[in-house]
Amino acid sequence: MHRTIDYRGFEIYVELTPAAEDTFNVSFQIKGGTNLEVLGARGGRIALRNGPFTERWAYLVAEIAGQAAIDLLLGPVD
């Protein structure tokens, strides 16, 4: 299962893989934007820890983690 979230000129790609009945492992990847050199070789897929999660929690946790990573790279929103 996949979802794409637009945030501050970037796209956060979220991928869920089944772990057990009604639970998922989740990973995300940041792509796009005008500051691709900021991501460099580290723009790969990141697996989130402390799972598996329910579907709803998996998407929420990945979205928040992706947004936090972008905020860290670009600084606060003015």
N, C-alpha and C. Protein backbone atom coordinates (compact mmCIF):
# COMPACT_ATOMS: atom_id res chain seq x y z
N MET A 1 0.85 -1.16 0.00
CA MET A 1 0.00 0.00 0.00
C MET A 1 0.90 1.23 0.00
N HIS A 2 0.53 2.20 -0.81
CA HIS A 2 1.35 3.39 -0.98
C HIS A 2 0.51 4.64 -0.80
N ARG A 3 1.17 5.70 -0.38
CA ARG A 3 0.54 7.02 -0.30
C ARG A 3 1.64 8.05 -0.52
N THR A 4 1.28 9.16 -1.19
CA THR A 4 2.21 10.26 -1.40
C THR A 4 1.64 11.50 -0.72
N ILE A 5 2.49 12.19 0.04
CA ILE A 5 2.08 13.38 0.77
C ILE A 5 2.96 14.53 0.32
N ASP A 6 2.37 15.61 -0.14
CA ASP A 6 3.11 16.81 -0.53
C ASP A 6 3.36 17.66 0.71
N TYR A 7 4.61 18.14 0.84
CA TYR A 7 4.97 18.95 2.00
C TYR A 7 6.15 19.85 1.65
N ARG A 8 5.97 21.14 1.72
CA ARG A 8 7.00 22.16 1.52
C ARG A 8 7.81 21.94 0.24
N GLY A 9 7.13 21.59 -0.84
CA GLY A 9 7.82 21.41 -2.12
C GLY A 9 8.45 20.04 -2.30
N PHE A 10 8.27 19.14 -1.36
CA PHE A 10 8.78 17.78 -1.45
C PHE A 10 7.61 16.82 -1.48
N GLU A 11 7.90 15.58 -1.81
CA GLU A 11 6.91 14.52 -1.73
C GLU A 11 7.42 13.46 -0.78
N ILE A 12 6.57 13.04 0.13
CA ILE A 12 6.90 11.98 1.07
C ILE A 12 6.17 10.74 0.57
N TYR A 13 6.94 9.74 0.13
CA TYR A 13 6.37 8.48 -0.34
C TYR A 13 6.33 7.51 0.83
N VAL A 14 5.13 7.04 1.15
CA VAL A 14 4.94 6.12 2.27
C VAL A 14 4.57 4.76 1.71
N GLU A 15 5.22 3.72 2.21
CA GLU A 15 4.93 2.36 1.77
C GLU A 15 4.67 1.48 2.99
N LEU A 16 3.54 0.78 2.97
CA LEU A 16 3.20 -0.16 4.02
C LEU A 16 3.34 -1.57 3.49
N THR A 17 3.92 -2.44 4.31
CA THR A 17 4.01 -3.86 3.97
C THR A 17 3.38 -4.65 5.11
N PRO A 18 2.54 -5.63 4.78
CA PRO A 18 1.86 -6.41 5.82
C PRO A 18 2.86 -7.12 6.74
N ALA A 19 2.59 -7.05 8.03
CA ALA A 19 3.43 -7.74 9.02
C ALA A 19 2.67 -8.90 9.64
N ALA A 20 1.43 -8.67 9.97
CA ALA A 20 0.53 -9.67 10.54
C ALA A 20 -0.88 -9.21 10.19
N GLU A 21 -1.86 -9.91 10.67
CA GLU A 21 -3.23 -9.53 10.35
C GLU A 21 -3.52 -8.11 10.85
N ASP A 22 -3.90 -7.23 9.93
CA ASP A 22 -4.27 -5.84 10.23
C ASP A 22 -3.13 -4.99 10.79
N THR A 23 -1.88 -5.40 10.63
CA THR A 23 -0.74 -4.57 11.05
C THR A 23 0.28 -4.50 9.92
N PHE A 24 1.06 -3.42 9.93
CA PHE A 24 1.97 -3.14 8.83
C PHE A 24 3.29 -2.60 9.34
N ASN A 25 4.35 -2.93 8.63
CA ASN A 25 5.62 -2.23 8.77
C ASN A 25 5.56 -1.06 7.80
N VAL A 26 6.23 0.02 8.13
CA VAL A 26 6.11 1.22 7.31
C VAL A 26 7.49 1.82 7.04
N SER A 27 7.65 2.36 5.83
CA SER A 27 8.87 3.09 5.47
C SER A 27 8.46 4.30 4.66
N PHE A 28 9.36 5.28 4.59
CA PHE A 28 9.08 6.46 3.80
C PHE A 28 10.34 6.90 3.06
N GLN A 29 10.13 7.70 2.02
CA GLN A 29 11.22 8.25 1.23
C GLN A 29 10.83 9.66 0.82
N ILE A 30 11.79 10.57 0.86
CA ILE A 30 11.54 11.95 0.49
C ILE A 30 12.11 12.19 -0.89
N LYS A 31 11.27 12.77 -1.77
CA LYS A 31 11.70 13.07 -3.14
C LYS A 31 11.23 14.45 -3.53
N GLY A 32 11.84 14.96 -4.60
CA GLY A 32 11.38 16.21 -5.20
C GLY A 32 11.92 17.44 -4.54
N GLY A 33 11.24 18.54 -4.79
CA GLY A 33 11.66 19.81 -4.23
C GLY A 33 12.79 20.42 -5.01
N THR A 34 13.11 21.64 -4.67
CA THR A 34 14.19 22.35 -5.35
C THR A 34 15.52 22.16 -4.65
N ASN A 35 15.52 21.54 -3.48
CA ASN A 35 16.75 21.37 -2.69
C ASN A 35 17.19 19.91 -2.66
N LEU A 36 17.21 19.27 -3.81
CA LEU A 36 17.59 17.85 -3.85
C LEU A 36 19.00 17.63 -3.34
N GLU A 37 19.90 18.60 -3.54
CA GLU A 37 21.27 18.41 -3.07
C GLU A 37 21.34 18.33 -1.56
N VAL A 38 20.34 18.84 -0.87
CA VAL A 38 20.30 18.73 0.59
C VAL A 38 20.16 17.28 1.00
N LEU A 39 19.37 16.52 0.25
CA LEU A 39 19.15 15.11 0.58
C LEU A 39 20.32 14.24 0.18
N GLY A 40 20.96 14.55 -0.96
CA GLY A 40 22.11 13.79 -1.43
C GLY A 40 21.85 12.31 -1.48
N ALA A 41 22.83 11.53 -1.14
CA ALA A 41 22.72 10.07 -1.18
C ALA A 41 21.83 9.55 -0.07
N ARG A 42 21.49 10.39 0.87
CA ARG A 42 20.68 9.95 2.00
C ARG A 42 19.19 10.00 1.72
N GLY A 43 18.81 10.24 0.48
CA GLY A 43 17.40 10.31 0.13
C GLY A 43 16.76 8.94 -0.06
N GLY A 44 17.32 7.91 0.53
CA GLY A 44 16.80 6.55 0.38
C GLY A 44 15.61 6.28 1.29
N ARG A 45 15.10 5.09 1.19
CA ARG A 45 13.93 4.67 1.97
C ARG A 45 14.35 4.45 3.42
N ILE A 46 13.52 4.93 4.34
CA ILE A 46 13.79 4.82 5.77
C ILE A 46 12.69 3.98 6.42
N ALA A 47 13.08 2.89 7.03
CA ALA A 47 12.12 2.05 7.75
C ALA A 47 11.92 2.61 9.15
N LEU A 48 10.67 2.69 9.58
CA LEU A 48 10.37 3.20 10.91
C LEU A 48 10.38 2.08 11.93
N ARG A 49 10.84 2.40 13.13
CA ARG A 49 10.98 1.41 14.20
C ARG A 49 9.71 1.35 15.04
N ASN A 50 9.72 0.42 15.97
CA ASN A 50 8.67 0.26 16.98
C ASN A 50 7.33 -0.17 16.39
N GLY A 51 7.37 -0.77 15.20
CA GLY A 51 6.15 -1.30 14.59
C GLY A 51 6.02 -2.76 14.95
N PRO A 52 5.10 -3.44 14.38
CA PRO A 52 4.19 -2.99 13.33
C PRO A 52 3.07 -2.12 13.90
N PHE A 53 2.43 -1.39 12.98
CA PHE A 53 1.37 -0.45 13.32
C PHE A 53 0.08 -0.85 12.61
N THR A 54 -1.03 -0.34 13.11
CA THR A 54 -2.26 -0.45 12.35
C THR A 54 -2.11 0.45 11.12
N GLU A 55 -2.94 0.27 10.13
CA GLU A 55 -2.82 1.05 8.89
C GLU A 55 -2.88 2.55 9.17
N ARG A 56 -3.81 2.96 9.95
CA ARG A 56 -3.99 4.39 10.25
C ARG A 56 -2.76 4.98 10.94
N TRP A 57 -2.26 4.28 11.95
CA TRP A 57 -1.08 4.75 12.67
C TRP A 57 0.16 4.74 11.79
N ALA A 58 0.27 3.74 10.95
CA ALA A 58 1.44 3.65 10.07
C ALA A 58 1.54 4.88 9.17
N TYR A 59 0.43 5.26 8.54
CA TYR A 59 0.45 6.45 7.68
C TYR A 59 0.74 7.71 8.48
N LEU A 60 0.15 7.83 9.66
CA LEU A 60 0.36 9.01 10.49
C LEU A 60 1.82 9.13 10.93
N VAL A 61 2.39 8.05 11.43
CA VAL A 61 3.77 8.07 11.92
C VAL A 61 4.73 8.39 10.77
N ALA A 62 4.52 7.81 9.60
CA ALA A 62 5.41 8.08 8.46
C ALA A 62 5.28 9.52 7.99
N GLU A 63 4.06 10.05 7.97
CA GLU A 63 3.88 11.44 7.56
C GLU A 63 4.59 12.40 8.52
N ILE A 64 4.44 12.18 9.79
CA ILE A 64 5.09 13.04 10.79
C ILE A 64 6.61 12.92 10.71
N ALA A 65 7.12 11.71 10.55
CA ALA A 65 8.57 11.52 10.44
C ALA A 65 9.12 12.21 9.19
N GLY A 66 8.42 12.07 8.08
CA GLY A 66 8.85 12.72 6.84
C GLY A 66 8.83 14.24 6.95
N GLN A 67 7.77 14.77 7.53
CA GLN A 67 7.69 16.22 7.72
C GLN A 67 8.77 16.73 8.65
N ALA A 68 9.05 15.99 9.70
CA ALA A 68 10.11 16.39 10.64
C ALA A 68 11.47 16.39 9.95
N ALA A 69 11.73 15.41 9.10
CA ALA A 69 13.01 15.35 8.38
C ALA A 69 13.15 16.55 7.45
N ILE A 70 12.09 16.90 6.75
CA ILE A 70 12.13 18.05 5.84
C ILE A 70 12.31 19.34 6.63
N ASP A 71 11.58 19.48 7.73
CA ASP A 71 11.73 20.67 8.57
C ASP A 71 13.16 20.80 9.11
N LEU A 72 13.77 19.69 9.46
CA LEU A 72 15.14 19.71 9.95
C LEU A 72 16.10 20.19 8.87
N LEU A 73 15.89 19.72 7.65
CA LEU A 73 16.76 20.10 6.54
C LEU A 73 16.59 21.55 6.11
N LEU A 74 15.34 22.02 6.08
CA LEU A 74 15.05 23.35 5.53
C LEU A 74 14.94 24.44 6.59
N GLY A 75 14.78 24.05 7.84
CA GLY A 75 14.60 25.04 8.88
C GLY A 75 13.12 25.34 9.08
N PRO A 76 12.81 26.17 10.07
CA PRO A 76 11.42 26.44 10.39
C PRO A 76 10.68 27.19 9.27
N VAL A 77 9.38 27.02 9.28
CA VAL A 77 8.53 27.75 8.33
C VAL A 77 8.39 29.17 8.81
N ASP A 78 8.57 30.13 7.91
CA ASP A 78 8.44 31.54 8.31
C ASP A 78 7.00 31.97 8.38
